[in-house]
Full PDB file with SEQRES, HELIX, SHEET, SSBOND, CRYST1, ORIGX, SCALE, CONECT and MASTER records, all heavy atoms in Angstrom:
SEQRES   1 A   36  GLU ASP SER LEU GLY VAL VAL ARG THR THR ILE GLU ASP          
SEQRES   2 A   36  GLY LYS VAL LEU ALA GLY GLY GLY ALA PRO GLU VAL GLU          
SEQRES   3 A   36  LEU SER LEU ALA LEU ARG ASP TYR ALA ASP                      
HELIX    1 AA1 ASP A    2  ASP A   13  1                                  12    
HELIX    2 AA2 ALA A   22  ALA A   35  1                                  14    
CRYST1    1.000    1.000    1.000  90.00  90.00  90.00 P 1           1          
ORIGX1      1.000000  0.000000  0.000000        0.00000                         
ORIGX2      0.000000  1.000000  0.000000        0.00000                         
ORIGX3      0.000000  0.000000  1.000000        0.00000                         
SCALE1      1.000000  0.000000  0.000000        0.00000                         
SCALE2      0.000000  1.000000  0.000000        0.00000                         
SCALE3      0.000000  0.000000  1.000000        0.00000                         
ATOM      1  N   GLU A   1       0.841  -1.206   0.000  1.00  0.00           N  
ATOM      2  CA  GLU A   1       0.000   0.000   0.000  1.00  0.00           C  
ATOM      3  C   GLU A   1       0.874   1.254   0.000  1.00  0.00           C  
ATOM      4  O   GLU A   1       0.599   2.226  -0.710  1.00  0.00           O  
ATOM      5  CB  GLU A   1      -0.934  -0.003   1.211  1.00  0.00           C  
ATOM      6  CG  GLU A   1      -2.031  -1.059   1.170  1.00  0.00           C  
ATOM      7  CD  GLU A   1      -3.156  -0.712   0.224  1.00  0.00           C  
ATOM      8  OE1 GLU A   1      -3.114   0.379  -0.381  1.00  0.00           O  
ATOM      9  OE2 GLU A   1      -4.068  -1.528   0.083  1.00  0.00           O  
ATOM     10  N   ASP A   2       1.933   1.246   0.814  1.00  0.00           N  
ATOM     11  CA  ASP A   2       2.850   2.388   0.855  1.00  0.00           C  
ATOM     12  C   ASP A   2       3.525   2.580  -0.502  1.00  0.00           C  
ATOM     13  O   ASP A   2       3.640   3.711  -1.010  1.00  0.00           O  
ATOM     14  CB  ASP A   2       3.929   2.178   1.929  1.00  0.00           C  
ATOM     15  CG  ASP A   2       3.362   2.304   3.341  1.00  0.00           C  
ATOM     16  OD1 ASP A   2       2.197   2.704   3.481  1.00  0.00           O  
ATOM     17  OD2 ASP A   2       4.093   2.012   4.300  1.00  0.00           O  
ATOM     18  N   SER A   3       3.969   1.488  -1.097  1.00  0.00           N  
ATOM     19  CA  SER A   3       4.671   1.569  -2.377  1.00  0.00           C  
ATOM     20  C   SER A   3       3.751   2.064  -3.490  1.00  0.00           C  
ATOM     21  O   SER A   3       4.157   2.865  -4.338  1.00  0.00           O  
ATOM     22  CB  SER A   3       5.244   0.200  -2.761  1.00  0.00           C  
ATOM     23  OG  SER A   3       6.318  -0.140  -1.918  1.00  0.00           O  
ATOM     24  N   LEU A   4       2.525   1.573  -3.501  1.00  0.00           N  
ATOM     25  CA  LEU A   4       1.562   2.046  -4.499  1.00  0.00           C  
ATOM     26  C   LEU A   4       1.374   3.554  -4.381  1.00  0.00           C  
ATOM     27  O   LEU A   4       1.321   4.275  -5.390  1.00  0.00           O  
ATOM     28  CB  LEU A   4       0.209   1.339  -4.313  1.00  0.00           C  
ATOM     29  CG  LEU A   4       0.145  -0.142  -4.688  1.00  0.00           C  
ATOM     30  CD1 LEU A   4      -1.181  -0.740  -4.217  1.00  0.00           C  
ATOM     31  CD2 LEU A   4       0.290  -0.322  -6.189  1.00  0.00           C  
ATOM     32  N   GLY A   5       1.292   4.042  -3.141  1.00  0.00           N  
ATOM     33  CA  GLY A   5       1.085   5.468  -2.911  1.00  0.00           C  
ATOM     34  C   GLY A   5       2.252   6.311  -3.410  1.00  0.00           C  
ATOM     35  O   GLY A   5       2.050   7.347  -4.061  1.00  0.00           O  
ATOM     36  N   VAL A   6       3.485   5.872  -3.126  1.00  0.00           N  
ATOM     37  CA  VAL A   6       4.640   6.697  -3.517  1.00  0.00           C  
ATOM     38  C   VAL A   6       4.880   6.662  -5.023  1.00  0.00           C  
ATOM     39  O   VAL A   6       5.285   7.667  -5.614  1.00  0.00           O  
ATOM     40  CB  VAL A   6       5.930   6.286  -2.751  1.00  0.00           C  
ATOM     41  CG1 VAL A   6       5.780   6.548  -1.267  1.00  0.00           C  
ATOM     42  CG2 VAL A   6       6.305   4.838  -3.010  1.00  0.00           C  
ATOM     43  N   VAL A   7       4.624   5.520  -5.655  1.00  0.00           N  
ATOM     44  CA  VAL A   7       4.779   5.452  -7.115  1.00  0.00           C  
ATOM     45  C   VAL A   7       3.722   6.339  -7.783  1.00  0.00           C  
ATOM     46  O   VAL A   7       4.020   7.076  -8.734  1.00  0.00           O  
ATOM     47  CB  VAL A   7       4.676   3.991  -7.604  1.00  0.00           C  
ATOM     48  CG1 VAL A   7       4.649   3.944  -9.133  1.00  0.00           C  
ATOM     49  CG2 VAL A   7       5.846   3.167  -7.081  1.00  0.00           C  
ATOM     50  N   ARG A   8       2.494   6.271  -7.307  1.00  0.00           N  
ATOM     51  CA  ARG A   8       1.440   7.144  -7.843  1.00  0.00           C  
ATOM     52  C   ARG A   8       1.825   8.612  -7.696  1.00  0.00           C  
ATOM     53  O   ARG A   8       1.716   9.402  -8.643  1.00  0.00           O  
ATOM     54  CB  ARG A   8       0.119   6.875  -7.108  1.00  0.00           C  
ATOM     55  CG  ARG A   8      -0.964   7.902  -7.427  1.00  0.00           C  
ATOM     56  CD  ARG A   8      -2.210   7.650  -6.588  1.00  0.00           C  
ATOM     57  NE  ARG A   8      -1.950   7.736  -5.159  1.00  0.00           N  
ATOM     58  CZ  ARG A   8      -1.926   8.873  -4.477  1.00  0.00           C  
ATOM     59  NH1 ARG A   8      -2.116  10.031  -5.089  1.00  0.00           N  
ATOM     60  NH2 ARG A   8      -1.709   8.868  -3.176  1.00  0.00           N  
ATOM     61  N   THR A   9       2.284   8.969  -6.500  1.00  0.00           N  
ATOM     62  CA  THR A   9       2.661  10.361  -6.239  1.00  0.00           C  
ATOM     63  C   THR A   9       3.802  10.810  -7.138  1.00  0.00           C  
ATOM     64  O   THR A   9       3.802  11.936  -7.656  1.00  0.00           O  
ATOM     65  CB  THR A   9       3.070  10.511  -4.762  1.00  0.00           C  
ATOM     66  OG1 THR A   9       1.975  10.120  -3.930  1.00  0.00           O  
ATOM     67  CG2 THR A   9       3.447  11.945  -4.438  1.00  0.00           C  
ATOM     68  N   THR A  10       4.782   9.942  -7.339  1.00  0.00           N  
ATOM     69  CA  THR A  10       5.928  10.287  -8.185  1.00  0.00           C  
ATOM     70  C   THR A  10       5.497  10.527  -9.630  1.00  0.00           C  
ATOM     71  O   THR A  10       5.939  11.487 -10.276  1.00  0.00           O  
ATOM     72  CB  THR A  10       6.984   9.175  -8.134  1.00  0.00           C  
ATOM     73  OG1 THR A  10       7.402   8.972  -6.775  1.00  0.00           O  
ATOM     74  CG2 THR A  10       8.196   9.542  -8.968  1.00  0.00           C  
ATOM     75  N   ILE A  11       4.633   9.666 -10.139  1.00  0.00           N  
ATOM     76  CA  ILE A  11       4.158   9.838 -11.519  1.00  0.00           C  
ATOM     77  C   ILE A  11       3.356  11.129 -11.648  1.00  0.00           C  
ATOM     78  O   ILE A  11       3.472  11.859 -12.638  1.00  0.00           O  
ATOM     79  CB  ILE A  11       3.314   8.616 -11.945  1.00  0.00           C  
ATOM     80  CG1 ILE A  11       4.207   7.366 -12.039  1.00  0.00           C  
ATOM     81  CG2 ILE A  11       2.624   8.876 -13.278  1.00  0.00           C  
ATOM     82  CD1 ILE A  11       3.453   6.083 -12.339  1.00  0.00           C  
ATOM     83  N   GLU A  12       2.542  11.421 -10.645  1.00  0.00           N  
ATOM     84  CA  GLU A  12       1.706  12.627 -10.703  1.00  0.00           C  
ATOM     85  C   GLU A  12       2.534  13.906 -10.588  1.00  0.00           C  
ATOM     86  O   GLU A  12       2.291  14.879 -11.312  1.00  0.00           O  
ATOM     87  CB  GLU A  12       0.662  12.589  -9.585  1.00  0.00           C  
ATOM     88  CG  GLU A  12      -0.434  11.554  -9.797  1.00  0.00           C  
ATOM     89  CD  GLU A  12      -1.409  11.486  -8.639  1.00  0.00           C  
ATOM     90  OE1 GLU A  12      -1.110  12.048  -7.558  1.00  0.00           O  
ATOM     91  OE2 GLU A  12      -2.471  10.867  -8.807  1.00  0.00           O  
ATOM     92  N   ASP A  13       3.503  13.935  -9.675  1.00  0.00           N  
ATOM     93  CA  ASP A  13       4.265  15.158  -9.406  1.00  0.00           C  
ATOM     94  C   ASP A  13       5.539  15.277 -10.231  1.00  0.00           C  
ATOM     95  O   ASP A  13       5.990  16.380 -10.547  1.00  0.00           O  
ATOM     96  CB  ASP A  13       4.628  15.243  -7.915  1.00  0.00           C  
ATOM     97  CG  ASP A  13       3.408  15.348  -7.023  1.00  0.00           C  
ATOM     98  OD1 ASP A  13       2.306  15.571  -7.564  1.00  0.00           O  
ATOM     99  OD2 ASP A  13       3.545  15.214  -5.789  1.00  0.00           O  
ATOM    100  N   GLY A  14       6.156  14.135 -10.527  1.00  0.00           N  
ATOM    101  CA  GLY A  14       7.388  14.159 -11.321  1.00  0.00           C  
ATOM    102  C   GLY A  14       8.596  14.696 -10.584  1.00  0.00           C  
ATOM    103  O   GLY A  14       9.556  15.155 -11.212  1.00  0.00           O  
ATOM    104  N   LYS A  15       8.573  14.665  -9.250  1.00  0.00           N  
ATOM    105  CA  LYS A  15       9.705  15.176  -8.469  1.00  0.00           C  
ATOM    106  C   LYS A  15      10.006  14.238  -7.309  1.00  0.00           C  
ATOM    107  O   LYS A  15       9.092  13.790  -6.606  1.00  0.00           O  
ATOM    108  CB  LYS A  15       9.403  16.575  -7.932  1.00  0.00           C  
ATOM    109  CG  LYS A  15       9.370  17.661  -9.007  1.00  0.00           C  
ATOM    110  CD  LYS A  15       9.137  19.023  -8.406  1.00  0.00           C  
ATOM    111  CE  LYS A  15       9.105  20.116  -9.472  1.00  0.00           C  
ATOM    112  NZ  LYS A  15      10.397  20.281 -10.156  1.00  0.00           N  
ATOM    113  N   VAL A  16      11.304  13.974  -7.097  1.00  0.00           N  
ATOM    114  CA  VAL A  16      11.736  13.113  -5.995  1.00  0.00           C  
ATOM    115  C   VAL A  16      12.907  13.761  -5.264  1.00  0.00           C  
ATOM    116  O   VAL A  16      13.508  14.726  -5.744  1.00  0.00           O  
ATOM    117  CB  VAL A  16      12.156  11.711  -6.497  1.00  0.00           C  
ATOM    118  CG1 VAL A  16      11.000  11.011  -7.168  1.00  0.00           C  
ATOM    119  CG2 VAL A  16      13.354  11.798  -7.438  1.00  0.00           C  
ATOM    120  N   LEU A  17      13.204  13.193  -4.102  1.00  0.00           N  
ATOM    121  CA  LEU A  17      14.339  13.632  -3.292  1.00  0.00           C  
ATOM    122  C   LEU A  17      15.178  12.423  -2.926  1.00  0.00           C  
ATOM    123  O   LEU A  17      14.660  11.302  -2.842  1.00  0.00           O  
ATOM    124  CB  LEU A  17      13.846  14.304  -2.000  1.00  0.00           C  
ATOM    125  CG  LEU A  17      13.024  15.590  -2.124  1.00  0.00           C  
ATOM    126  CD1 LEU A  17      12.338  15.876  -0.798  1.00  0.00           C  
ATOM    127  CD2 LEU A  17      13.906  16.758  -2.522  1.00  0.00           C  
ATOM    128  N   ALA A  18      16.450  12.633  -2.687  1.00  0.00           N  
ATOM    129  CA  ALA A  18      17.279  11.567  -2.128  1.00  0.00           C  
ATOM    130  C   ALA A  18      16.820  11.298  -0.702  1.00  0.00           C  
ATOM    131  O   ALA A  18      16.369  12.207   0.004  1.00  0.00           O  
ATOM    132  CB  ALA A  18      18.744  11.980  -2.151  1.00  0.00           C  
ATOM    133  N   GLY A  19      16.906  10.046  -0.257  1.00  0.00           N  
ATOM    134  CA  GLY A  19      16.435   9.687   1.075  1.00  0.00           C  
ATOM    135  C   GLY A  19      17.562   9.597   2.090  1.00  0.00           C  
ATOM    136  O   GLY A  19      18.573  10.292   1.989  1.00  0.00           O  
ATOM    137  N   GLY A  20      17.375   8.730   3.085  1.00  0.00           N  
ATOM    138  CA  GLY A  20      18.417   8.489   4.076  1.00  0.00           C  
ATOM    139  C   GLY A  20      18.739   9.668   4.970  1.00  0.00           C  
ATOM    140  O   GLY A  20      19.856   9.790   5.467  1.00  0.00           O  
ATOM    141  N   GLY A  21      17.769  10.557   5.188  1.00  0.00           N  
ATOM    142  CA  GLY A  21      18.000  11.716   6.053  1.00  0.00           C  
ATOM    143  C   GLY A  21      18.625  12.900   5.337  1.00  0.00           C  
ATOM    144  O   GLY A  21      18.828  13.955   5.940  1.00  0.00           O  
ATOM    145  N   ALA A  22      18.925  12.749   4.032  1.00  0.00           N  
ATOM    146  CA  ALA A  22      19.584  13.829   3.292  1.00  0.00           C  
ATOM    147  C   ALA A  22      18.744  15.109   3.226  1.00  0.00           C  
ATOM    148  O   ALA A  22      19.270  16.202   3.472  1.00  0.00           O  
ATOM    149  CB  ALA A  22      19.951  13.354   1.887  1.00  0.00           C  
ATOM    150  N   PRO A  23      17.437  15.029   2.909  1.00  0.00           N  
ATOM    151  CA  PRO A  23      16.657  16.274   2.810  1.00  0.00           C  
ATOM    152  C   PRO A  23      16.595  17.034   4.131  1.00  0.00           C  
ATOM    153  O   PRO A  23      16.670  18.277   4.147  1.00  0.00           O  
ATOM    154  CB  PRO A  23      15.262  15.795   2.388  1.00  0.00           C  
ATOM    155  CG  PRO A  23      15.463  14.439   1.825  1.00  0.00           C  
ATOM    156  CD  PRO A  23      16.611  13.859   2.566  1.00  0.00           C  
ATOM    157  N   GLU A  24      16.489  16.299   5.234  1.00  0.00           N  
ATOM    158  CA  GLU A  24      16.349  16.957   6.535  1.00  0.00           C  
ATOM    159  C   GLU A  24      17.625  17.704   6.926  1.00  0.00           C  
ATOM    160  O   GLU A  24      17.568  18.819   7.458  1.00  0.00           O  
ATOM    161  CB  GLU A  24      15.994  15.928   7.616  1.00  0.00           C  
ATOM    162  CG  GLU A  24      14.573  15.391   7.533  1.00  0.00           C  
ATOM    163  CD  GLU A  24      14.390  14.299   6.510  1.00  0.00           C  
ATOM    164  OE1 GLU A  24      15.415  13.823   5.942  1.00  0.00           O  
ATOM    165  OE2 GLU A  24      13.244  13.906   6.246  1.00  0.00           O  
ATOM    166  N   VAL A  25      18.784  17.100   6.656  1.00  0.00           N  
ATOM    167  CA  VAL A  25      20.044  17.780   6.979  1.00  0.00           C  
ATOM    168  C   VAL A  25      20.219  19.014   6.095  1.00  0.00           C  
ATOM    169  O   VAL A  25      20.638  20.085   6.568  1.00  0.00           O  
ATOM    170  CB  VAL A  25      21.242  16.817   6.810  1.00  0.00           C  
ATOM    171  CG1 VAL A  25      22.551  17.544   7.085  1.00  0.00           C  
ATOM    172  CG2 VAL A  25      21.107  15.622   7.750  1.00  0.00           C  
ATOM    173  N   GLU A  26      19.886  18.882   4.813  1.00  0.00           N  
ATOM    174  CA  GLU A  26      19.993  20.022   3.888  1.00  0.00           C  
ATOM    175  C   GLU A  26      19.053  21.149   4.321  1.00  0.00           C  
ATOM    176  O   GLU A  26      19.428  22.332   4.310  1.00  0.00           O  
ATOM    177  CB  GLU A  26      19.658  19.563   2.462  1.00  0.00           C  
ATOM    178  CG  GLU A  26      19.879  20.612   1.394  1.00  0.00           C  
ATOM    179  CD  GLU A  26      21.347  20.957   1.188  1.00  0.00           C  
ATOM    180  OE1 GLU A  26      22.214  20.145   1.567  1.00  0.00           O  
ATOM    181  OE2 GLU A  26      21.621  22.062   0.651  1.00  0.00           O  
ATOM    182  N   LEU A  27      17.831  20.783   4.716  1.00  0.00           N  
ATOM    183  CA  LEU A  27      16.878  21.794   5.185  1.00  0.00           C  
ATOM    184  C   LEU A  27      17.355  22.461   6.460  1.00  0.00           C  
ATOM    185  O   LEU A  27      17.194  23.674   6.650  1.00  0.00           O  
ATOM    186  CB  LEU A  27      15.509  21.143   5.442  1.00  0.00           C  
ATOM    187  CG  LEU A  27      14.654  20.799   4.230  1.00  0.00           C  
ATOM    188  CD1 LEU A  27      13.332  20.214   4.681  1.00  0.00           C  
ATOM    189  CD2 LEU A  27      14.414  22.017   3.369  1.00  0.00           C  
ATOM    190  N   SER A  28      17.920  21.661   7.356  1.00  0.00           N  
ATOM    191  CA  SER A  28      18.404  22.204   8.630  1.00  0.00           C  
ATOM    192  C   SER A  28      19.454  23.293   8.393  1.00  0.00           C  
ATOM    193  O   SER A  28      19.407  24.369   9.001  1.00  0.00           O  
ATOM    194  CB  SER A  28      18.982  21.072   9.484  1.00  0.00           C  
ATOM    195  OG  SER A  28      19.462  21.565  10.705  1.00  0.00           O  
ATOM    196  N   LEU A  29      20.389  23.028   7.481  1.00  0.00           N  
ATOM    197  CA  LEU A  29      21.418  24.018   7.166  1.00  0.00           C  
ATOM    198  C   LEU A  29      20.816  25.255   6.501  1.00  0.00           C  
ATOM    199  O   LEU A  29      21.172  26.396   6.818  1.00  0.00           O  
ATOM    200  CB  LEU A  29      22.477  23.403   6.250  1.00  0.00           C  
ATOM    201  CG  LEU A  29      23.324  22.272   6.861  1.00  0.00           C  
ATOM    202  CD1 LEU A  29      24.239  21.669   5.801  1.00  0.00           C  
ATOM    203  CD2 LEU A  29      24.154  22.791   8.030  1.00  0.00           C  
ATOM    204  N   ALA A  30      19.864  25.021   5.584  1.00  0.00           N  
ATOM    205  CA  ALA A  30      19.235  26.145   4.889  1.00  0.00           C  
ATOM    206  C   ALA A  30      18.441  27.019   5.855  1.00  0.00           C  
ATOM    207  O   ALA A  30      18.458  28.257   5.754  1.00  0.00           O  
ATOM    208  CB  ALA A  30      18.329  25.614   3.779  1.00  0.00           C  
ATOM    209  N   LEU A  31      17.773  26.396   6.821  1.00  0.00           N  
ATOM    210  CA  LEU A  31      16.957  27.157   7.771  1.00  0.00           C  
ATOM    211  C   LEU A  31      17.832  27.947   8.752  1.00  0.00           C  
ATOM    212  O   LEU A  31      17.445  29.040   9.189  1.00  0.00           O  
ATOM    213  CB  LEU A  31      16.022  26.220   8.538  1.00  0.00           C  
ATOM    214  CG  LEU A  31      14.832  25.678   7.734  1.00  0.00           C  
ATOM    215  CD1 LEU A  31      14.048  24.663   8.564  1.00  0.00           C  
ATOM    216  CD2 LEU A  31      13.920  26.811   7.295  1.00  0.00           C  
ATOM    217  N   ARG A  32      18.996  27.425   9.086  1.00  0.00           N  
ATOM    218  CA  ARG A  32      19.885  28.184   9.972  1.00  0.00           C  
ATOM    219  C   ARG A  32      20.397  29.443   9.254  1.00  0.00           C  
ATOM    220  O   ARG A  32      20.546  30.500   9.878  1.00  0.00           O  
ATOM    221  CB  ARG A  32      21.048  27.309  10.429  1.00  0.00           C  
ATOM    222  CG  ARG A  32      20.636  26.242  11.437  1.00  0.00           C  
ATOM    223  CD  ARG A  32      21.838  25.588  12.118  1.00  0.00           C  
ATOM    224  NE  ARG A  32      21.374  24.605  13.097  1.00  0.00           N  
ATOM    225  CZ  ARG A  32      21.208  23.316  12.835  1.00  0.00           C  
ATOM    226  NH1 ARG A  32      21.483  22.858  11.626  1.00  0.00           N  
ATOM    227  NH2 ARG A  32      20.776  22.485  13.765  1.00  0.00           N  
ATOM    228  N   ASP A  33      20.653  29.308   7.967  1.00  0.00           N  
ATOM    229  CA  ASP A  33      21.036  30.494   7.193  1.00  0.00           C  
ATOM    230  C   ASP A  33      19.871  31.483   7.114  1.00  0.00           C  
ATOM    231  O   ASP A  33      20.049  32.697   7.226  1.00  0.00           O  
ATOM    232  CB  ASP A  33      21.465  30.093   5.773  1.00  0.00           C  
ATOM    233  CG  ASP A  33      22.792  29.353   5.768  1.00  0.00           C  
ATOM    234  OD1 ASP A  33      23.546  29.476   6.759  1.00  0.00           O  
ATOM    235  OD2 ASP A  33      23.066  28.621   4.790  1.00  0.00           O  
ATOM    236  N   TYR A  34      18.688  30.929   6.903  1.00  0.00           N  
ATOM    237  CA  TYR A  34      17.488  31.770   6.790  1.00  0.00           C  
ATOM    238  C   TYR A  34      17.185  32.490   8.103  1.00  0.00           C  
ATOM    239  O   TYR A  34      16.722  33.645   8.108  1.00  0.00           O  
ATOM    240  CB  TYR A  34      16.307  30.897   6.369  1.00  0.00           C  
ATOM    241  CG  TYR A  34      14.956  31.579   6.459  1.00  0.00           C  
ATOM    242  CD1 TYR A  34      14.619  32.611   5.585  1.00  0.00           C  
ATOM    243  CD2 TYR A  34      14.024  31.186   7.417  1.00  0.00           C  
ATOM    244  CE1 TYR A  34      13.379  33.234   5.662  1.00  0.00           C  
ATOM    245  CE2 TYR A  34      12.792  31.800   7.505  1.00  0.00           C  
ATOM    246  CZ  TYR A  34      12.467  32.825   6.629  1.00  0.00           C  
ATOM    247  OH  TYR A  34      11.248  33.446   6.711  1.00  0.00           O  
ATOM    248  N   ALA A  35      17.475  31.833   9.223  1.00  0.00           N  
ATOM    249  CA  ALA A  35      17.163  32.411  10.538  1.00  0.00           C  
ATOM    250  C   ALA A  35      17.876  33.744  10.751  1.00  0.00           C  
ATOM    251  O   ALA A  35      17.351  34.636  11.435  1.00  0.00           O  
ATOM    252  CB  ALA A  35      17.544  31.428  11.647  1.00  0.00           C  
ATOM    253  N   ASP A  36      19.047  33.917  10.159  1.00  0.00           N  
ATOM    254  CA  ASP A  36      19.791  35.171  10.316  1.00  0.00           C  
ATOM    255  C   ASP A  36      19.033  36.363   9.740  1.00  0.00           C  
ATOM    256  O   ASP A  36      19.255  37.508  10.146  1.00  0.00           O  
ATOM    257  CB  ASP A  36      21.161  35.062   9.626  1.00  0.00           C  
ATOM    258  CG  ASP A  36      22.064  34.049  10.329  1.00  0.00           C  
ATOM    259  OD1 ASP A  36      21.822  33.785  11.529  1.00  0.00           O  
ATOM    260  OD2 ASP A  36      22.985  33.520   9.675  1.00  0.00           O  
TER     261      ASP A  36                                                      
MASTER        0    0    0    2    0    0    0    6  260    1    0    3          
END                                                                             
């Protein structure tokens, strides 16, 4: 059920991110810069 949902979403949106905690670390750094 989870896999069906993510494949559907990917086809509909056409955008993905690398996993393994990568987006969260990148966002954390970007938000610290933004906080200034």
